[in-house]
Amino acid sequence: MGVRKYSCLLFQLGVGVYLLGALLFFVGRQTNLALPSSSSDLWETLNSYNIRLQKDIHQYNAQFNAQPDSYIIDPPNLPYTQQVSLPPASNTTERQAAAFIVLVRNSELPGMLQSMHDVEGRFNKKFNYPWVFLNEEPFTDEFKRLTTLAAAPSKTHYGLVNESMWGYPSWISQSKAAKMREIMKDLPYGNSESYRHMCRFQSGFFWRHPLVLSLNLEYYWRVEPDVRYFCELDYDPFLYMKQNKKKYAFNISFKEHSGTIITLWDTVKKFAQESTKKGKNYFPHKVTDTIFKFLTPDDGGTYNGCHFWTNFEIARLDLWHTEAYQEFFEYLDHNGGFFYERWGDAPVHSIFAALYLHQDEVHFFNDIGYKHSIYQHCPAEDRLIRRCTCNPSDSLDFTDHMSCLTEYMEARHYNDPNDKRTVNDMLLKK
């Protein structure tokens, strides 16, 4: 009898530990929610989570859950459409050299678990791609333990961002940077020093972090804390990118606040002009072969602020390792705009991709429902929305004046056969 009681006790303890770990994982669904400190708080949190989950799934129709083989993007205010073909649903295809890359703080653990819950549940439980976490401070044991649990059975990697990638370069005046932050304090993140370090790191360093380099990755999917993914994904987007020769992919496009990037466009044009004088033409594609017009309404005279939100970004890592991008970043970095203004990695990445890539190398993952902060994308196409838990009426897309999807679609469909100008030609114009 004593042995039986002992075995039963061990079994109960094992079940308890398992449930506690699972509940801690589900806590991540709650945005900005601290980890519970007691078992009663934990159960209250789980009840709140279940209520939210039921509200989330009202759109989903299980009778129409098969992935379509194609769909058509049909903007309500534009005279053209775009057909997108999807690969067959399968999780048995060969895995690519790819990973999720996350820049995150220890304090963002609850929001990180929420994001991981969606990514794993909608996609990665079928494919098991690894997670790469980067932090400017050492990760806590708690962060490692819970994110490893959330990612299981996928691998997790943890890297430290040192001062060479997160500090001030020698040519930056920190007193001037502080004065500029004070002047810009009323703009979004205008007074934030850490935000500027983050934007510079994401622009020029994440792709050459020693941990990332050691994994020999070909593609990455950027994920951030406190984001939501709403749609089932039954094919491998990394494989899709490779098979279709895509190099950069986005989900939401938006206009940047002009006060944060006052001199960015002029600096980009100066880069092209000075590179040309040195015999380098980094932007040789014809305008009609790119999405150049996504960036400018007047043939390069001004920048409209349109960019892809990099809190969702799937791309080839070697795009940033090209001579063109490395020279581009170094030029911008030495100009000082990351600190004296508030240049974001989103406009930096987007401008380069729009200038450098052929339009067919850029992809809009319309079928992935996504939310960051209060802004979201939810596919409106009937064949897609039935696989999602979001509402298309909540999307920015083609209705909000700050969305740039209209500009993106117009740029893709600009095909004047008489326009022989290159992107570099446009940037050389005074």
Protein backbone atom coordinates (compact mmCIF):
# COMPACT_ATOMS: atom_id res chain seq x y z
CA MET A 1 0.00 0.00 0.00
CA GLY A 2 2.87 2.39 0.83
CA VAL A 3 4.42 1.86 -2.59
CA ARG A 4 1.10 2.54 -4.32
CA LYS A 5 0.62 5.78 -2.37
CA TYR A 6 4.16 6.86 -3.23
CA SER A 7 3.63 6.16 -6.96
CA CYS A 8 0.33 8.02 -6.91
CA LEU A 9 1.98 11.01 -5.24
CA LEU A 10 4.73 11.07 -7.87
CA PHE A 11 2.14 10.90 -10.61
CA GLN A 12 0.17 13.79 -9.10
CA LEU A 13 3.31 15.89 -8.74
CA GLY A 14 4.24 15.19 -12.36
CA VAL A 15 0.80 16.21 -13.58
CA GLY A 16 0.96 19.35 -11.46
CA VAL A 17 4.32 20.41 -12.87
CA TYR A 18 3.10 19.77 -16.42
CA LEU A 19 -0.08 21.83 -15.88
CA LEU A 20 1.86 24.66 -14.27
CA GLY A 21 4.24 24.84 -17.22
CA ALA A 22 1.36 24.78 -19.70
CA LEU A 23 -0.50 27.49 -17.83
CA LEU A 24 2.56 29.72 -17.69
CA PHE A 25 2.83 29.32 -21.45
CA PHE A 26 -0.78 30.33 -22.02
CA VAL A 27 -0.32 33.40 -19.84
CA GLY A 28 1.68 34.79 -22.75
CA ARG A 29 -1.57 35.31 -24.65
CA GLN A 30 -2.39 38.24 -22.37
CA THR A 31 -0.76 41.44 -23.58
CA ASN A 32 1.20 43.41 -20.95
CA LEU A 33 0.26 40.88 -18.28
CA ALA A 34 2.69 40.09 -15.47
CA LEU A 35 3.40 36.48 -14.71
CA PRO A 36 1.07 35.36 -11.88
CA SER A 37 2.55 35.00 -8.43
CA SER A 38 0.17 32.41 -7.00
CA SER A 39 -1.88 29.42 -8.13
CA SER A 40 -5.16 31.34 -7.67
CA ASP A 41 -3.84 34.18 -9.87
CA LEU A 42 -2.79 31.58 -12.42
CA TRP A 43 -6.27 30.07 -12.67
CA GLU A 44 -7.85 33.53 -12.91
CA THR A 45 -5.45 34.35 -15.74
CA LEU A 46 -6.32 31.13 -17.56
CA ASN A 47 -10.04 31.87 -17.26
CA SER A 48 -9.48 35.31 -18.79
CA TYR A 49 -7.46 33.71 -21.57
CA ASN A 50 -10.25 31.25 -22.37
CA ILE A 51 -12.80 34.05 -22.57
CA ARG A 52 -10.61 35.93 -25.04
CA LEU A 53 -10.00 32.81 -27.06
CA GLN A 54 -13.72 32.20 -27.50
CA LYS A 55 -14.18 35.77 -28.70
CA ASP A 56 -11.28 35.36 -31.13
CA ILE A 57 -12.63 32.34 -32.95
CA HIS A 58 -16.08 33.61 -33.92
CA GLN A 59 -14.95 34.15 -37.53
CA TYR A 60 -13.49 30.71 -38.12
CA ASN A 61 -15.57 28.24 -40.13
CA ALA A 62 -14.23 24.70 -39.84
CA GLN A 63 -16.20 23.58 -42.90
CA PHE A 64 -14.02 25.75 -45.11
CA ASN A 65 -10.63 25.21 -43.53
CA ALA A 66 -8.85 23.75 -46.55
CA GLN A 67 -6.02 25.92 -47.82
CA PRO A 68 -6.84 27.32 -51.28
CA ASP A 69 -4.44 26.82 -54.15
CA SER A 70 -4.71 30.49 -55.14
CA TYR A 71 -6.55 33.71 -54.41
CA ILE A 72 -7.00 37.14 -55.99
CA ILE A 73 -6.22 40.47 -54.33
CA ASP A 74 -8.92 42.83 -55.59
CA PRO A 75 -8.46 46.32 -54.08
CA PRO A 76 -11.77 48.21 -53.79
CA ASN A 77 -10.33 51.47 -55.11
CA LEU A 78 -7.94 50.34 -57.85
CA PRO A 79 -8.54 49.20 -61.45
CA TYR A 80 -6.43 46.05 -61.29
CA THR A 81 -6.03 42.82 -59.37
CA GLN A 82 -3.22 40.46 -58.44
CA GLN A 83 -3.46 36.68 -58.44
CA VAL A 84 -1.34 34.77 -55.94
CA SER A 85 -0.71 31.04 -56.25
CA LEU A 86 -0.03 29.04 -53.11
CA PRO A 87 1.93 25.80 -52.81
CA PRO A 88 0.17 22.61 -51.71
CA ALA A 89 -0.47 22.31 -47.98
CA SER A 90 2.29 20.16 -46.57
CA ASN A 91 4.62 19.95 -43.60
CA THR A 92 6.74 17.18 -45.07
CA THR A 93 8.79 19.35 -47.44
CA GLU A 94 12.50 19.82 -46.86
CA ARG A 95 13.26 22.36 -44.15
CA GLN A 96 15.12 25.48 -45.20
CA ALA A 97 18.08 27.10 -43.44
CA ALA A 98 15.80 29.50 -41.62
CA ALA A 99 14.79 30.70 -38.18
CA PHE A 100 12.67 33.19 -36.27
CA ILE A 101 14.85 36.08 -35.09
CA VAL A 102 13.69 38.11 -32.11
CA LEU A 103 15.15 41.17 -30.39
CA VAL A 104 13.55 41.15 -26.94
CA ARG A 105 14.05 42.18 -23.31
CA ASN A 106 13.56 39.97 -20.27
CA SER A 107 10.72 42.24 -19.15
CA GLU A 108 8.85 41.45 -22.37
CA LEU A 109 8.53 37.75 -21.55
CA PRO A 110 4.68 37.68 -21.26
CA GLY A 111 4.30 39.43 -24.62
CA MET A 112 6.90 37.14 -26.14
CA LEU A 113 5.02 34.05 -24.98
CA GLN A 114 1.85 35.45 -26.52
CA SER A 115 3.58 35.94 -29.87
CA MET A 116 5.13 32.48 -29.71
CA HIS A 117 1.77 30.91 -28.89
CA ASP A 118 0.30 32.31 -32.12
CA VAL A 119 3.33 31.51 -34.30
CA GLU A 120 3.63 27.98 -32.97
CA GLY A 121 -0.11 27.29 -33.05
CA ARG A 122 -0.76 28.72 -36.51
CA PHE A 123 2.38 27.51 -38.22
CA ASN A 124 5.49 26.27 -36.48
CA LYS A 125 4.04 23.28 -34.64
CA LYS A 126 3.90 21.75 -38.14
CA PHE A 127 7.42 22.80 -39.21
CA ASN A 128 9.60 23.23 -36.08
CA TYR A 129 11.86 26.06 -37.20
CA PRO A 130 14.26 27.29 -34.48
CA TRP A 131 14.04 30.53 -32.52
CA VAL A 132 16.94 32.97 -32.12
CA PHE A 133 16.57 35.44 -29.23
CA LEU A 134 18.84 38.49 -28.95
CA ASN A 135 19.05 40.90 -26.02
CA GLU A 136 21.33 43.77 -25.02
CA GLU A 137 21.33 42.27 -21.49
CA PRO A 138 21.85 38.63 -20.49
CA PHE A 139 18.69 36.54 -20.63
CA THR A 140 17.30 35.35 -17.31
CA ASP A 141 16.92 31.67 -16.56
CA GLU A 142 13.15 32.21 -16.40
CA PHE A 143 13.08 33.72 -19.89
CA LYS A 144 15.10 30.83 -21.31
CA ARG A 145 13.04 28.19 -19.52
CA LEU A 146 9.62 29.49 -20.56
CA THR A 147 10.51 30.34 -24.16
CA THR A 148 12.13 26.93 -24.55
CA LEU A 149 8.91 25.38 -23.25
CA ALA A 150 6.84 27.51 -25.63
CA ALA A 151 9.00 26.55 -28.62
CA ALA A 152 9.19 22.81 -27.88
CA PRO A 153 10.21 20.72 -29.72
CA SER A 154 11.90 23.43 -31.82
CA LYS A 155 15.38 24.55 -30.81
CA THR A 156 16.03 27.87 -29.09
CA HIS A 157 19.21 29.97 -29.20
CA TYR A 158 20.09 32.97 -27.01
CA GLY A 159 22.59 35.70 -27.87
CA LEU A 160 23.90 38.86 -26.22
CA VAL A 161 24.15 42.11 -28.17
CA ASN A 162 27.37 43.82 -27.06
CA GLU A 163 28.26 47.50 -27.02
CA SER A 164 29.80 47.39 -30.48
CA MET A 165 26.30 46.85 -31.87
CA TRP A 166 24.29 48.79 -29.29
CA GLY A 167 26.40 51.80 -28.34
CA TYR A 168 27.24 55.17 -29.83
CA PRO A 169 29.77 55.13 -32.67
CA SER A 170 32.77 57.44 -32.27
CA TRP A 171 31.49 60.04 -34.74
CA ILE A 172 28.25 60.74 -32.86
CA SER A 173 28.05 63.64 -30.40
CA GLN A 174 26.04 62.32 -27.47
CA SER A 175 25.28 65.84 -26.23
CA LYS A 176 23.86 66.78 -29.63
CA ALA A 177 21.89 63.53 -29.72
CA ALA A 178 20.39 64.34 -26.30
CA LYS A 179 19.41 67.84 -27.46
CA MET A 180 17.74 66.43 -30.54
CA ARG A 181 15.77 63.91 -28.45
CA GLU A 182 14.47 66.78 -26.36
CA ILE A 183 13.44 68.72 -29.47
CA MET A 184 11.65 65.63 -30.82
CA LYS A 185 10.03 64.58 -27.53
CA ASP A 186 6.48 65.03 -28.83
CA LEU A 187 7.00 62.65 -31.77
CA PRO A 188 6.51 58.87 -31.53
CA TYR A 189 9.54 57.55 -29.60
CA GLY A 190 11.08 60.96 -30.21
CA ASN A 191 12.66 61.15 -26.76
CA SER A 192 13.73 57.50 -26.57
CA GLU A 193 17.44 56.71 -26.58
CA SER A 194 16.96 52.93 -26.51
CA TYR A 195 14.59 53.05 -29.49
CA ARG A 196 17.33 54.68 -31.55
CA HIS A 197 19.82 52.00 -30.57
CA MET A 198 17.25 49.38 -31.54
CA CYS A 199 16.61 50.92 -34.96
CA ARG A 200 20.33 51.14 -35.69
CA PHE A 201 20.88 47.55 -34.55
CA GLN A 202 18.02 46.22 -36.69
CA SER A 203 19.28 48.22 -39.67
CA GLY A 204 22.92 47.36 -39.54
CA PHE A 205 23.80 44.58 -37.13
CA PHE A 206 21.27 41.83 -36.45
CA TRP A 207 22.18 40.08 -39.70
CA ARG A 208 25.86 39.96 -38.71
CA HIS A 209 25.47 39.07 -35.06
CA PRO A 210 27.89 36.20 -34.28
CA LEU A 211 25.08 33.87 -33.20
CA VAL A 212 23.11 34.50 -36.40
CA LEU A 213 26.23 34.02 -38.52
CA SER A 214 27.09 30.77 -36.73
CA LEU A 215 23.74 29.21 -37.71
CA ASN A 216 24.39 29.66 -41.46
CA LEU A 217 20.85 30.84 -42.08
CA GLU A 218 19.50 31.66 -45.51
CA TYR A 219 16.16 33.15 -44.41
CA TYR A 220 14.73 34.72 -41.27
CA TRP A 221 11.28 35.62 -40.01
CA ARG A 222 11.30 38.55 -37.61
CA VAL A 223 8.93 38.25 -34.64
CA GLU A 224 8.35 40.70 -31.80
CA PRO A 225 6.61 40.56 -28.43
CA ASP A 226 2.92 41.42 -28.21
CA VAL A 227 1.98 40.62 -31.81
CA ARG A 228 -0.85 38.42 -33.01
CA TYR A 229 -1.14 35.94 -35.88
CA PHE A 230 -4.71 35.11 -36.89
CA CYS A 231 -4.62 32.68 -39.83
CA GLU A 232 -3.73 29.02 -40.27
CA LEU A 233 -0.63 28.60 -42.42
CA ASP A 234 -0.26 25.13 -43.92
CA TYR A 235 2.68 25.73 -46.24
CA ASP A 236 6.25 26.80 -45.57
CA PRO A 237 6.76 30.51 -46.35
CA PHE A 238 10.54 30.04 -46.38
CA LEU A 239 10.18 27.37 -49.07
CA TYR A 240 7.71 29.62 -50.90
CA MET A 241 10.28 32.42 -50.87
CA LYS A 242 12.97 30.13 -52.24
CA GLN A 243 10.87 28.49 -54.94
CA ASN A 244 9.54 31.85 -56.15
CA LYS A 245 12.88 33.69 -55.88
CA LYS A 246 11.54 36.16 -53.32
CA LYS A 247 14.08 38.11 -51.28
CA TYR A 248 11.92 40.38 -49.12
CA ALA A 249 8.38 39.94 -47.79
CA PHE A 250 6.03 42.11 -45.74
CA ASN A 251 2.55 42.16 -44.29
CA ILE A 252 1.68 45.75 -43.30
CA SER A 253 2.81 48.94 -45.04
CA PHE A 254 2.40 52.32 -43.45
CA LYS A 255 3.48 55.96 -43.67
CA GLU A 256 6.29 57.11 -41.39
CA HIS A 257 5.92 60.35 -39.41
CA SER A 258 7.79 62.92 -41.50
CA GLY A 259 9.28 64.58 -38.42
CA THR A 260 11.39 61.50 -37.64
CA ILE A 261 13.09 61.21 -41.05
CA ILE A 262 13.55 64.83 -42.13
CA THR A 263 16.79 64.30 -44.08
CA LEU A 264 16.61 60.57 -44.81
CA TRP A 265 15.54 60.79 -48.45
CA ASP A 266 18.07 63.51 -49.29
CA THR A 267 20.76 61.33 -47.69
CA VAL A 268 19.67 58.35 -49.80
CA LYS A 269 19.95 60.43 -52.96
CA LYS A 270 23.35 61.75 -51.92
CA PHE A 271 24.49 58.17 -51.40
CA ALA A 272 23.50 57.29 -54.97
CA GLN A 273 25.15 60.43 -56.33
CA GLU A 274 28.44 59.90 -54.49
CA SER A 275 28.48 56.18 -55.34
CA THR A 276 27.99 57.00 -59.01
CA LYS A 277 30.94 59.40 -58.91
CA LYS A 278 33.02 56.51 -57.60
CA GLY A 279 31.90 54.33 -60.51
CA LYS A 280 29.33 52.34 -58.51
CA ASN A 281 25.74 51.99 -59.69
CA TYR A 282 23.89 50.11 -56.96
CA PHE A 283 20.40 50.68 -58.39
CA PRO A 284 20.52 49.70 -62.07
CA HIS A 285 16.98 48.30 -62.48
CA LYS A 286 14.52 50.14 -64.66
CA VAL A 287 11.83 52.00 -62.72
CA THR A 288 9.18 49.82 -64.36
CA ASP A 289 10.89 46.69 -63.00
CA THR A 290 10.89 47.87 -59.39
CA ILE A 291 8.47 49.33 -56.84
CA PHE A 292 10.29 52.67 -56.94
CA LYS A 293 7.00 54.53 -57.16
CA PHE A 294 5.99 52.99 -53.82
CA LEU A 295 8.37 55.54 -52.26
CA THR A 296 7.76 58.75 -54.14
CA PRO A 297 4.85 60.56 -55.81
CA ASP A 298 7.05 62.86 -57.91
CA ASP A 299 9.76 60.78 -59.57
CA GLY A 300 12.11 60.95 -56.63
CA GLY A 301 11.70 64.58 -55.70
CA THR A 302 10.29 63.74 -52.27
CA TYR A 303 9.72 60.69 -50.10
CA ASN A 304 6.11 59.92 -49.18
CA GLY A 305 7.07 58.05 -46.01
CA CYS A 306 5.78 54.67 -47.21
CA HIS A 307 7.54 51.68 -45.72
CA PHE A 308 6.96 48.08 -44.74
CA TRP A 309 6.56 47.41 -41.05
CA THR A 310 9.58 45.39 -40.05
CA ASN A 311 7.94 43.93 -36.94
CA PHE A 312 6.80 41.40 -39.54
CA GLU A 313 9.57 40.71 -42.01
CA ILE A 314 10.61 37.56 -43.86
CA ALA A 315 13.71 37.94 -45.99
CA ARG A 316 16.96 36.49 -47.22
CA LEU A 317 19.79 37.36 -44.87
CA ASP A 318 22.21 37.76 -47.75
CA LEU A 319 20.18 40.74 -48.97
CA TRP A 320 21.77 42.74 -46.15
CA HIS A 321 25.20 41.22 -46.80
CA THR A 322 25.35 42.63 -50.34
CA GLU A 323 27.95 45.29 -51.02
CA ALA A 324 25.11 47.63 -51.98
CA TYR A 325 23.35 47.39 -48.62
CA GLN A 326 26.50 47.44 -46.51
CA GLU A 327 27.68 50.60 -48.28
CA PHE A 328 24.16 52.03 -48.02
CA PHE A 329 23.98 51.42 -44.26
CA GLU A 330 27.48 52.72 -43.58
CA TYR A 331 26.68 55.92 -45.44
CA LEU A 332 23.45 56.46 -43.51
CA ASP A 333 25.13 55.55 -40.22
CA HIS A 334 27.92 58.09 -40.66
CA ASN A 335 25.37 60.74 -41.52
CA GLY A 336 24.09 60.48 -37.93
CA GLY A 337 20.37 60.33 -38.64
CA PHE A 338 19.78 57.31 -36.41
CA PHE A 339 20.61 59.54 -33.41
CA TYR A 340 20.17 63.15 -34.53
CA GLU A 341 16.78 62.37 -36.03
CA ARG A 342 14.95 59.09 -35.43
CA TRP A 343 15.49 57.02 -38.52
CA GLY A 344 13.74 53.68 -38.18
CA ASP A 345 14.91 50.35 -39.52
CA ALA A 346 11.55 50.05 -41.31
CA PRO A 347 12.08 52.95 -43.75
CA VAL A 348 15.77 52.03 -44.10
CA HIS A 349 15.00 48.42 -45.07
CA SER A 350 12.00 49.41 -47.20
CA ILE A 351 13.75 52.14 -49.15
CA PHE A 352 16.65 49.85 -49.99
CA ALA A 353 14.39 46.95 -50.99
CA ALA A 354 12.28 49.21 -53.21
CA LEU A 355 15.34 50.71 -54.91
CA TYR A 356 17.46 47.58 -55.21
CA LEU A 357 15.16 44.61 -55.83
CA HIS A 358 13.16 43.63 -58.86
CA GLN A 359 9.48 43.97 -58.05
CA ASP A 360 8.98 40.21 -58.39
CA GLU A 361 11.51 39.69 -55.58
CA VAL A 362 9.21 41.50 -53.11
CA HIS A 363 6.21 39.61 -51.72
CA PHE A 364 3.08 40.66 -49.84
CA PHE A 365 2.01 37.87 -47.45
CA ASN A 366 -1.63 38.83 -47.70
CA ASP A 367 -2.79 35.42 -46.45
CA ILE A 368 -1.15 35.90 -43.03
CA GLY A 369 -3.41 37.77 -40.61
CA TYR A 370 -1.27 39.91 -38.33
CA LYS A 371 -1.56 42.59 -35.66
CA HIS A 372 1.00 44.90 -34.07
CA SER A 373 -0.12 47.48 -31.52
CA ILE A 374 -3.55 48.73 -32.63
CA TYR A 375 -2.89 48.13 -36.32
CA GLN A 376 -3.62 44.92 -38.15
CA HIS A 377 -3.90 43.23 -41.49
CA CYS A 378 -6.66 40.70 -42.07
CA PRO A 379 -7.17 39.15 -45.51
CA ALA A 380 -10.47 40.18 -47.07
CA GLU A 381 -10.65 37.39 -49.65
CA ASP A 382 -13.40 34.88 -48.89
CA ARG A 383 -11.17 31.85 -49.49
CA LEU A 384 -8.71 33.16 -46.90
CA ILE A 385 -10.78 34.74 -44.15
CA ARG A 386 -12.52 31.45 -43.40
CA ARG A 387 -9.16 30.22 -42.11
CA CYS A 388 -8.63 33.24 -39.86
CA THR A 389 -9.89 34.60 -36.55
CA CYS A 390 -9.76 38.29 -37.46
CA ASN A 391 -12.17 40.76 -39.03
CA PRO A 392 -11.20 42.35 -42.39
CA SER A 393 -13.06 45.53 -41.43
CA ASP A 394 -10.40 46.11 -38.76
CA SER A 395 -7.58 46.22 -41.33
CA LEU A 396 -5.68 49.28 -42.50
CA ASP A 397 -5.18 47.98 -46.01
CA PHE A 398 -6.79 50.06 -48.76
CA THR A 399 -9.07 52.19 -46.58
CA ASP A 400 -6.92 53.94 -43.96
CA HIS A 401 -5.15 57.06 -45.25
CA MET A 402 -1.96 55.98 -43.47
CA SER A 403 -1.81 52.62 -45.26
CA CYS A 404 0.51 52.28 -48.23
CA LEU A 405 -0.95 49.18 -49.88
CA THR A 406 -2.47 51.37 -52.58
CA GLU A 407 0.97 52.82 -53.35
CA TYR A 408 2.44 49.32 -53.37
CA MET A 409 -0.13 47.98 -55.83
CA GLU A 410 0.20 51.01 -58.07
CA ALA A 411 3.99 50.68 -58.10
CA ARG A 412 3.72 47.00 -59.05
CA HIS A 413 1.43 47.82 -61.95
CA TYR A 414 3.37 50.77 -63.34
CA ASN A 415 4.50 49.51 -66.75
CA ASP A 416 4.89 52.46 -69.13
CA PRO A 417 6.85 50.88 -72.04
CA ASN A 418 8.30 54.29 -72.93
CA ASP A 419 9.88 54.78 -69.52
CA LYS A 420 13.47 53.58 -69.91
CA ARG A 421 14.81 55.38 -66.82
CA THR A 422 16.66 53.45 -64.13
CA VAL A 423 16.27 53.90 -60.41
CA ASN A 424 19.77 55.35 -60.28
CA ASP A 425 18.76 57.92 -62.94
CA MET A 426 15.91 59.04 -60.70
CA LEU A 427 18.12 59.39 -57.65
CA LEU A 428 20.66 61.50 -59.54
CA LYS A 429 18.05 64.12 -60.35
CA LYS A 430 18.52 67.36 -58.46
